[in-house]
Protein backbone atom coordinates (compact mmCIF):
# COMPACT_ATOMS: atom_id res chain seq x y z
CA UNK A 1 0.00 0.00 0.00
CA UNK A 2 1.20 3.47 -0.83
CA UNK A 3 0.39 6.89 0.51
CA UNK A 4 1.09 10.53 -0.35
CA UNK A 5 4.51 10.45 1.31
CA UNK A 6 5.57 7.61 -1.01
CA UNK A 7 4.76 9.71 -4.08
CA UNK A 8 6.75 12.66 -2.71
CA UNK A 9 9.81 10.76 -1.53
CA UNK A 10 12.93 11.81 -3.43
CA UNK A 11 11.38 14.88 -5.05
CA UNK A 12 13.49 18.04 -5.33
CA UNK A 13 10.90 19.71 -3.09
CA UNK A 14 9.37 16.89 -1.03
CA UNK A 15 7.09 19.22 0.90
CA UNK A 16 5.52 20.67 -2.24
CA UNK A 17 5.25 17.24 -3.90
CA UNK A 18 3.70 15.91 -0.70
CA UNK A 19 1.02 18.59 -0.76
CA UNK A 20 0.17 17.75 -4.38
CA UNK A 21 0.08 14.04 -3.51
CA UNK A 22 -2.25 14.67 -0.55
CA UNK A 23 -4.62 16.65 -2.78
CA UNK A 24 -4.56 13.80 -5.30
CA UNK A 25 -5.35 11.19 -2.63
CA UNK A 26 -8.19 13.35 -1.27
CA UNK A 27 -9.70 13.86 -4.73
CA UNK A 28 -9.35 10.16 -5.54
CA UNK A 29 -11.12 9.17 -2.31
CA UNK A 30 -13.98 11.56 -3.11
CA UNK A 31 -14.36 9.98 -6.55
CA UNK A 32 -14.29 6.43 -5.17
CA UNK A 33 -10.81 5.57 -6.41
CA UNK A 34 -8.38 3.78 -4.07
CA UNK A 35 -4.85 4.96 -4.90
CA UNK A 36 -3.27 2.94 -2.09
CA UNK A 37 -3.26 -0.10 -4.37
CA UNK A 38 -1.87 1.41 -7.58
CA UNK A 39 0.09 -0.93 -9.80
CA UNK A 40 3.70 -0.07 -10.67
CA UNK A 41 2.83 1.93 -13.79
CA UNK A 42 0.09 3.89 -12.03
CA UNK A 43 2.45 4.63 -9.17
CA UNK A 44 5.08 5.91 -11.59
CA UNK A 45 2.60 8.16 -13.36
CA UNK A 46 1.35 9.58 -10.04
CA UNK A 47 4.90 10.06 -8.72
CA UNK A 48 6.07 11.87 -11.84
CA UNK A 49 3.03 14.13 -11.86
CA UNK A 50 3.33 15.00 -8.18
CA UNK A 51 7.10 15.50 -8.19
CA UNK A 52 7.84 17.24 -11.44
CA UNK A 53 5.00 19.30 -12.81
CA UNK A 54 2.35 21.09 -10.79
CA UNK A 55 0.20 21.40 -13.91
CA UNK A 56 0.18 17.63 -14.47
CA UNK A 57 -0.63 17.07 -10.79
CA UNK A 58 -3.54 19.48 -11.17
CA UNK A 59 -4.85 17.58 -14.19
CA UNK A 60 -4.86 14.22 -12.40
CA UNK A 61 -6.28 15.77 -9.24
CA UNK A 62 -9.20 17.27 -11.17
CA UNK A 63 -9.97 13.83 -12.59
CA UNK A 64 -8.23 11.07 -10.58
CA UNK A 65 -9.52 8.45 -13.03
CA UNK A 66 -7.27 10.14 -15.61
CA UNK A 67 -4.35 8.57 -13.74
CA UNK A 68 -5.78 5.11 -14.37
CA UNK A 69 -6.58 5.87 -18.04
CA UNK A 70 -3.10 7.23 -18.74
CA UNK A 71 -1.35 4.38 -16.91
CA UNK A 72 -3.32 1.89 -19.05
CA UNK A 73 -2.60 3.69 -22.35
CA UNK A 74 -0.56 1.38 -24.60
CA UNK A 75 1.23 4.46 -25.96
CA UNK A 76 2.50 5.64 -22.59
CA UNK A 77 6.07 4.68 -23.47
CA UNK A 78 6.05 5.26 -27.21
CA UNK A 79 4.79 7.70 -29.79
CA UNK A 80 1.08 7.59 -30.46
CA UNK A 81 0.45 7.36 -34.20
CA UNK A 82 -1.53 10.20 -35.72
CA UNK A 83 -4.16 7.72 -36.95
CA UNK A 84 -4.77 6.42 -33.43
CA UNK A 85 -5.24 9.91 -32.04
CA UNK A 86 -7.54 10.83 -34.96
CA UNK A 87 -9.61 7.70 -34.26
CA UNK A 88 -9.91 8.64 -30.58
CA UNK A 89 -11.09 12.14 -31.48
CA UNK A 90 -13.57 10.72 -34.00
CA UNK A 91 -14.89 8.23 -31.44
CA UNK A 92 -15.54 10.97 -28.88
CA UNK A 93 -17.08 13.19 -31.57
CA UNK A 94 -19.49 10.44 -32.58
CA UNK A 95 -20.63 9.91 -28.98
CA UNK A 96 -21.23 13.59 -28.19
CA UNK A 97 -24.90 14.54 -28.06
CA UNK A 98 -24.38 18.26 -28.45
CA UNK A 99 -21.72 20.96 -28.67
CA UNK A 100 -21.12 21.26 -24.89
CA UNK A 101 -20.68 17.47 -24.59
CA UNK A 102 -18.27 17.48 -27.52
CA UNK A 103 -16.27 20.31 -25.94
CA UNK A 104 -16.07 18.45 -22.63
CA UNK A 105 -14.98 15.25 -24.36
CA UNK A 106 -12.28 17.01 -26.34
CA UNK A 107 -10.99 18.78 -23.21
CA UNK A 108 -10.83 15.43 -21.41
CA UNK A 109 -8.93 13.86 -24.31
CA UNK A 110 -6.53 16.82 -24.47
CA UNK A 111 -5.83 16.64 -20.72
CA UNK A 112 -5.25 12.88 -20.90
CA UNK A 113 -2.79 13.43 -23.74
CA UNK A 114 -0.97 16.20 -21.87
CA UNK A 115 -0.47 13.91 -18.88
CA UNK A 116 0.60 11.02 -21.13
CA UNK A 117 3.12 13.20 -22.95
CA UNK A 118 4.38 14.79 -19.74
CA UNK A 119 5.01 11.41 -18.17
CA UNK A 120 6.55 10.04 -21.32
């Protein structure tokens, strides 16, 4: 089991990383996600986001399930082909009922990609 201190350990600024990790754990608990049992990849993604980039930590804190989605992305460690990204955009576009839903879906996809690229 891991906790916020585990994600902050070894960071250049452990106190700051620890605060970001605590916010992430709080947000995850509120959304019903148990981060204490993250697999190795999920732990790495969370650690990198909390230790290196406040913006990435903010993105996963706003949507803790983003951490799980990014950790499961088969393109986490390699370049995502343009065709794959275009297919993801098209899939979300097809499912959107209206313009606000499409905007929300595209923002979610963009944020997921920013975290994936930042971790990569």
